Amino acid sequence: MNIGVYGGTFNPIHFGHLRTAEEIWHQFKLRQVIFVPSSNPPHKDEQVIDPLHRLKMVTLAITGNDHFTCSDLELVRPGKSYTIETLKELKMQNPEANFYFIIGVDAFLEIDTWYHWQELFRETNFIVTTRPGSKKVAPSKMIPEPVADQFKWRRKEREFIHNSGQRVIFVPVTEINLSASMIRGMVWEGKSIRYLTPRRVREYIIENALYQK
């Protein structure tokens, strides 16, 4: 049983997130994709609204999609949100599952700044999504140097294989030129965000006066 894990602040969730998750679910024949909103992300500098609002928006966004679910693991756990701890908890809940952590290439290139990052390569597969606007980096530079000798590159499959058997797979996805920061800025400026995020999310933002002056 293959399960995707899609972590992020989702501040707010938008169609770019949802389309990426849908394409990965379909291509890898995943049982489900679990969205995991972070509580107190260690790598984010921008102001992040109350995690319960972000959890609610994700829940609203995925309503009606049977292969998308949402987890509050990082919200109920105190302190910073660390991916390694989340993955271990999900494995305890789903001991038979094979996990695929979904991450954009720009974030993956900073993986060596994450908490217990070397252990992550033994705990999960990575699906690294790329778009036309993504950074152009040679495969030899993709894996952090301290662990590069633990991987083998398979050019035809566009993936690395770790000594543990876990994979790091590079997958192009449809380019949707959207960002959460752009949406927040538009709300702040009083502009419409219709068709940038699901209707239920847009209505929730308005009803709760999120991201407004």
Protein backbone atom coordinates (compact mmCIF):
# COMPACT_ATOMS: atom_id res chain seq x y z
CA MET A 1 0.00 0.00 0.00
CA ASN A 2 1.53 3.27 -1.15
CA ILE A 3 0.64 6.49 0.66
CA GLY A 4 1.67 10.03 -0.23
CA VAL A 5 2.44 12.58 2.47
CA TYR A 6 2.13 16.22 1.51
CA GLY A 7 3.38 18.55 4.23
CA GLY A 8 3.33 22.32 4.25
CA THR A 9 1.99 25.43 5.87
CA PHE A 10 -0.88 25.66 3.35
CA ASN A 11 -1.17 29.34 4.22
CA PRO A 12 -3.59 29.12 2.40
CA ILE A 13 -4.01 25.95 0.34
CA HIS A 14 -4.64 26.65 -3.35
CA PHE A 15 -5.16 24.93 -6.70
CA GLY A 16 -1.41 24.52 -7.24
CA HIS A 17 -1.19 22.29 -4.15
CA LEU A 18 -4.29 20.34 -5.11
CA ARG A 19 -3.32 19.75 -8.74
CA THR A 20 0.16 18.56 -7.73
CA ALA A 21 -1.31 16.10 -5.23
CA GLU A 22 -3.81 14.83 -7.81
CA GLU A 23 -1.15 14.23 -10.46
CA ILE A 24 1.14 12.42 -8.01
CA TRP A 25 -1.74 10.30 -6.70
CA HIS A 26 -2.60 9.23 -10.24
CA GLN A 27 0.91 8.65 -11.54
CA PHE A 28 2.08 6.58 -8.57
CA LYS A 29 -1.24 4.81 -7.98
CA LEU A 30 -1.25 5.88 -4.36
CA ARG A 31 -3.91 4.62 -1.98
CA GLN A 32 -4.24 8.13 -0.62
CA VAL A 33 -2.47 11.45 -0.18
CA ILE A 34 -2.34 12.77 3.37
CA PHE A 35 -2.12 16.54 3.69
CA VAL A 36 -0.24 17.49 6.86
CA PRO A 37 -0.51 21.19 7.79
CA SER A 38 2.45 22.23 9.93
CA SER A 39 1.93 23.84 13.30
CA ASN A 40 5.10 25.84 13.92
CA PRO A 41 7.32 25.33 10.87
CA PRO A 42 11.04 25.89 11.53
CA HIS A 43 11.83 27.00 7.95
CA LYS A 44 9.19 29.67 7.43
CA ASP A 45 9.87 33.34 8.07
CA GLU A 46 6.53 34.77 7.00
CA GLN A 47 3.68 35.24 9.42
CA VAL A 48 1.70 32.01 9.58
CA ILE A 49 -1.90 32.21 10.76
CA ASP A 50 -3.41 30.00 13.45
CA PRO A 51 -2.88 26.34 12.45
CA LEU A 52 -6.51 25.51 13.17
CA HIS A 53 -7.54 27.92 10.40
CA ARG A 54 -5.10 26.29 8.00
CA LEU A 55 -6.31 22.81 8.98
CA LYS A 56 -9.90 23.85 8.37
CA MET A 57 -9.05 25.31 4.96
CA VAL A 58 -7.29 22.10 3.88
CA THR A 59 -10.27 20.07 5.07
CA LEU A 60 -12.63 22.28 3.08
CA ALA A 61 -10.42 22.13 -0.01
CA ILE A 62 -10.27 18.32 -0.17
CA THR A 63 -13.92 17.66 0.68
CA GLY A 64 -15.39 15.37 -1.97
CA ASN A 65 -12.07 13.78 -2.97
CA ASP A 66 -12.02 10.25 -1.56
CA HIS A 67 -8.28 9.75 -2.04
CA PHE A 68 -7.27 12.93 -0.17
CA THR A 69 -7.20 13.04 3.62
CA CYS A 70 -5.93 15.52 6.20
CA SER A 71 -3.94 14.87 9.37
CA ASP A 72 -3.65 17.07 12.46
CA LEU A 73 -0.55 15.23 13.73
CA GLU A 74 1.66 18.31 13.70
CA LEU A 75 -1.03 20.48 15.25
CA VAL A 76 -1.58 18.31 18.32
CA ARG A 77 2.16 17.77 18.87
CA PRO A 78 3.70 20.66 20.84
CA GLY A 79 6.68 22.62 19.62
CA LYS A 80 8.21 22.81 16.16
CA SER A 81 6.91 20.66 13.31
CA TYR A 82 9.56 18.15 12.28
CA THR A 83 8.98 15.89 9.28
CA ILE A 84 10.94 12.96 10.71
CA GLU A 85 8.64 12.79 13.74
CA THR A 86 5.54 13.02 11.58
CA LEU A 87 6.69 10.20 9.32
CA LYS A 88 7.45 7.93 12.26
CA GLU A 89 3.99 8.55 13.71
CA LEU A 90 2.33 7.86 10.37
CA LYS A 91 4.29 4.63 10.07
CA MET A 92 3.06 3.53 13.46
CA GLN A 93 -0.50 4.18 12.30
CA ASN A 94 0.05 2.44 8.94
CA PRO A 95 2.73 -0.25 9.50
CA GLU A 96 2.11 -1.92 6.13
CA ALA A 97 2.38 1.28 4.10
CA ASN A 98 5.15 2.45 1.81
CA PHE A 99 5.40 6.24 2.16
CA TYR A 100 6.19 8.86 -0.46
CA PHE A 101 6.92 12.36 0.81
CA ILE A 102 5.89 14.98 -1.75
CA ILE A 103 8.14 18.03 -1.92
CA GLY A 104 9.03 20.75 -4.42
CA VAL A 105 12.55 20.75 -5.86
CA ASP A 106 13.45 24.13 -4.33
CA ALA A 107 12.59 22.85 -0.85
CA PHE A 108 14.39 19.56 -1.50
CA LEU A 109 17.60 21.41 -2.33
CA GLU A 110 17.54 22.69 1.28
CA ILE A 111 16.89 19.26 2.81
CA ASP A 112 20.24 19.28 4.60
CA THR A 113 18.96 22.10 6.84
CA TRP A 114 16.10 19.94 8.16
CA TYR A 115 16.03 18.24 11.54
CA HIS A 116 17.63 14.75 11.36
CA TRP A 117 17.67 15.09 7.58
CA GLN A 118 19.95 12.10 6.94
CA GLU A 119 17.51 9.81 8.69
CA LEU A 120 14.72 10.97 6.38
CA PHE A 121 16.31 9.14 3.45
CA ARG A 122 15.94 5.86 5.36
CA GLU A 123 12.37 6.56 6.49
CA THR A 124 10.61 7.53 3.27
CA ASN A 125 10.71 7.78 -0.47
CA PHE A 126 10.75 11.32 -1.86
CA ILE A 127 8.75 12.53 -4.83
CA VAL A 128 10.43 15.77 -5.86
CA THR A 129 8.17 17.85 -8.08
CA THR A 130 9.63 20.07 -10.78
CA ARG A 131 8.09 22.79 -12.96
CA PRO A 132 9.41 24.80 -15.91
CA GLY A 133 10.36 27.60 -13.51
CA SER A 134 12.19 25.35 -11.04
CA LYS A 135 15.90 25.69 -10.39
CA LYS A 136 18.05 23.90 -12.97
CA VAL A 137 20.44 21.68 -11.04
CA ALA A 138 22.50 18.77 -12.33
CA PRO A 139 21.58 15.39 -10.80
CA SER A 140 25.04 15.14 -9.25
CA LYS A 141 24.25 18.27 -7.19
CA MET A 142 20.79 17.18 -6.06
CA ILE A 143 21.83 15.00 -3.15
CA PRO A 144 23.70 16.67 -0.26
CA GLU A 145 27.40 15.86 -0.40
CA PRO A 146 27.64 14.17 3.05
CA VAL A 147 25.31 11.37 1.90
CA ALA A 148 25.96 11.35 -1.87
CA ASP A 149 27.89 8.08 -1.68
CA GLN A 150 24.77 6.39 -0.27
CA PHE A 151 22.87 6.89 -3.55
CA LYS A 152 22.91 5.57 -7.07
CA TRP A 153 21.47 7.64 -9.93
CA ARG A 154 19.22 5.90 -12.47
CA ARG A 155 19.06 8.31 -15.39
CA LYS A 156 16.29 6.60 -17.37
CA GLU A 157 13.95 6.54 -14.35
CA ARG A 158 15.06 10.01 -13.19
CA GLU A 159 15.57 8.76 -9.67
CA PHE A 160 18.16 8.07 -7.01
CA ILE A 161 18.18 4.83 -5.03
CA HIS A 162 19.38 5.02 -1.43
CA ASN A 163 21.27 2.17 0.23
CA SER A 164 18.12 1.52 2.25
CA GLY A 165 16.11 0.94 -0.93
CA GLN A 166 14.18 4.19 -0.60
CA ARG A 167 13.87 6.28 -3.74
CA VAL A 168 14.22 9.97 -4.59
CA ILE A 169 12.16 10.46 -7.74
CA PHE A 170 12.01 13.64 -9.82
CA VAL A 171 8.61 14.23 -11.37
CA PRO A 172 7.49 17.14 -13.59
CA VAL A 173 4.02 18.44 -12.76
CA THR A 174 1.71 20.91 -14.44
CA GLU A 175 2.85 24.48 -13.95
CA ILE A 176 0.26 26.58 -12.15
CA ASN A 177 1.76 29.98 -11.43
CA LEU A 178 0.31 30.34 -7.95
CA SER A 179 1.75 30.87 -4.50
CA ALA A 180 0.25 31.25 -1.06
CA SER A 181 2.16 34.50 -0.57
CA MET A 182 0.61 35.91 -3.74
CA ILE A 183 -2.88 35.02 -2.52
CA ARG A 184 -2.23 36.53 0.91
CA GLY A 185 -1.01 39.71 -0.77
CA MET A 186 -4.09 39.95 -2.95
CA VAL A 187 -6.40 39.56 0.05
CA TRP A 188 -4.40 42.23 1.89
CA GLU A 189 -4.87 44.58 -1.07
CA GLY A 190 -8.60 43.85 -1.28
CA LYS A 191 -8.39 42.00 -4.61
CA SER A 192 -10.50 39.02 -5.61
CA ILE A 193 -8.98 35.56 -5.20
CA ARG A 194 -11.80 33.76 -6.99
CA TYR A 195 -10.53 30.83 -9.12
CA LEU A 196 -7.18 30.79 -7.27
CA THR A 197 -8.33 28.58 -4.41
CA PRO A 198 -11.46 26.44 -3.92
CA ARG A 199 -14.69 28.32 -3.32
CA ARG A 200 -15.07 26.96 0.21
CA VAL A 201 -11.57 28.15 1.10
CA ARG A 202 -12.18 31.59 -0.38
CA GLU A 203 -15.43 31.92 1.58
CA TYR A 204 -13.70 30.78 4.78
CA ILE A 205 -10.98 33.41 4.32
CA ILE A 206 -13.62 36.13 3.87
CA GLU A 207 -15.85 34.96 6.72
CA ASN A 208 -12.94 34.85 9.18
CA ALA A 209 -11.23 38.02 7.89
CA LEU A 210 -7.96 36.15 7.30
CA TYR A 211 -4.96 37.93 5.76
CA GLN A 212 -6.80 41.25 5.80
CA LYS A 213 -5.62 44.66 6.98
